[in-house]
Amino acid sequence: MLDRRARRTRAVHRFRLTTVDGGHATDVLSEESIGGPLIALTFPVPKLRTVLQDWLEALRTTAGDRRDG
C-alpha cells in the first residue's frame, strides 16, 4: 500500500514535438510539473535531469530506429 505522502504527490510531464527543417527534424520541448510533501528529497533536480535525459535518449533512439528501419 502506498504511503500517505506518496498518494498526495502529483506529477505531469509533457513533451511538445514540433517539426522543423521542412520535416527533416523535430524540436522537443519538455515541460515538468511536480509537487507534494518533501518532493525535493525524493526527486532532487539532478535526479530529475537524469531521468529527462534518459527519456530524451529513448525518444531519439526510437525515432532513429523508425527512420533507419
Protein backbone atom coordinates (compact mmCIF):
# COMPACT_ATOMS: atom_id res chain seq x y z
CA MET A 1 0.00 0.00 0.00
CA LEU A 2 1.23 3.49 -0.80
CA ASP A 3 2.44 5.77 1.93
CA ARG A 4 0.03 8.70 2.51
CA ARG A 5 2.67 11.17 1.29
CA ALA A 6 3.12 9.30 -1.98
CA ARG A 7 -0.61 9.43 -2.67
CA ARG A 8 -0.51 13.23 -2.40
CA THR A 9 2.34 13.58 -4.86
CA ARG A 10 1.34 14.78 -8.30
CA ALA A 11 3.43 14.94 -11.43
CA VAL A 12 2.78 15.90 -15.03
CA HIS A 13 5.30 15.60 -17.80
CA ARG A 14 4.69 16.75 -21.34
CA PHE A 15 6.78 16.59 -24.48
CA ARG A 16 5.85 19.04 -27.23
CA LEU A 17 7.15 17.98 -30.62
CA THR A 18 7.45 20.49 -33.46
CA THR A 19 8.52 19.60 -36.99
CA VAL A 20 11.31 21.83 -38.29
CA ASP A 21 13.68 21.96 -41.25
CA GLY A 22 10.97 21.09 -43.75
CA GLY A 23 10.03 17.90 -41.88
CA HIS A 24 13.58 16.59 -41.67
CA ALA A 25 13.99 17.29 -37.94
CA THR A 26 11.95 17.71 -34.78
CA ASP A 27 12.37 20.13 -31.89
CA VAL A 28 11.43 18.70 -28.49
CA LEU A 29 10.24 20.89 -25.61
CA SER A 30 9.93 19.15 -22.27
CA GLU A 31 7.69 20.57 -19.53
CA GLU A 32 7.57 19.19 -15.99
CA SER A 33 5.35 19.95 -13.02
CA ILE A 34 5.76 18.01 -9.80
CA GLY A 35 4.64 18.68 -6.27
CA GLY A 36 3.97 17.07 -2.96
CA PRO A 37 5.30 16.80 0.57
CA LEU A 38 9.09 16.53 0.65
CA ILE A 39 9.21 16.03 -3.11
CA ALA A 40 12.61 17.73 -3.36
CA LEU A 41 14.07 14.99 -1.16
CA THR A 42 12.56 12.23 -3.26
CA PHE A 43 13.28 13.78 -6.67
CA PRO A 44 16.12 16.31 -6.41
CA VAL A 45 16.91 18.35 -9.53
CA PRO A 46 19.93 16.22 -10.57
CA LYS A 47 17.79 13.06 -10.46
CA LEU A 48 15.00 14.71 -12.48
CA ARG A 49 17.56 15.93 -15.02
CA THR A 50 18.98 12.40 -15.38
CA VAL A 51 15.51 10.90 -15.88
CA LEU A 52 14.70 13.54 -18.50
CA GLN A 53 17.98 12.85 -20.35
CA ASP A 54 17.13 9.12 -20.35
CA TRP A 55 13.65 9.85 -21.79
CA LEU A 56 15.09 12.11 -24.48
CA GLU A 57 17.68 9.48 -25.41
CA ALA A 58 14.96 6.82 -25.67
CA LEU A 59 12.89 9.16 -27.86
CA ARG A 60 15.91 9.86 -30.08
CA THR A 61 16.75 6.16 -30.35
CA THR A 62 13.16 5.22 -31.18
CA ALA A 63 12.93 7.96 -33.82
CA GLY A 64 16.25 6.82 -35.30
CA ASP A 65 15.10 3.18 -35.34
CA ARG A 66 11.96 4.14 -37.28
CA ARG A 67 13.89 6.34 -39.69
CA ASP A 68 16.55 3.69 -40.30
CA GLY A 69 14.35 0.65 -40.36
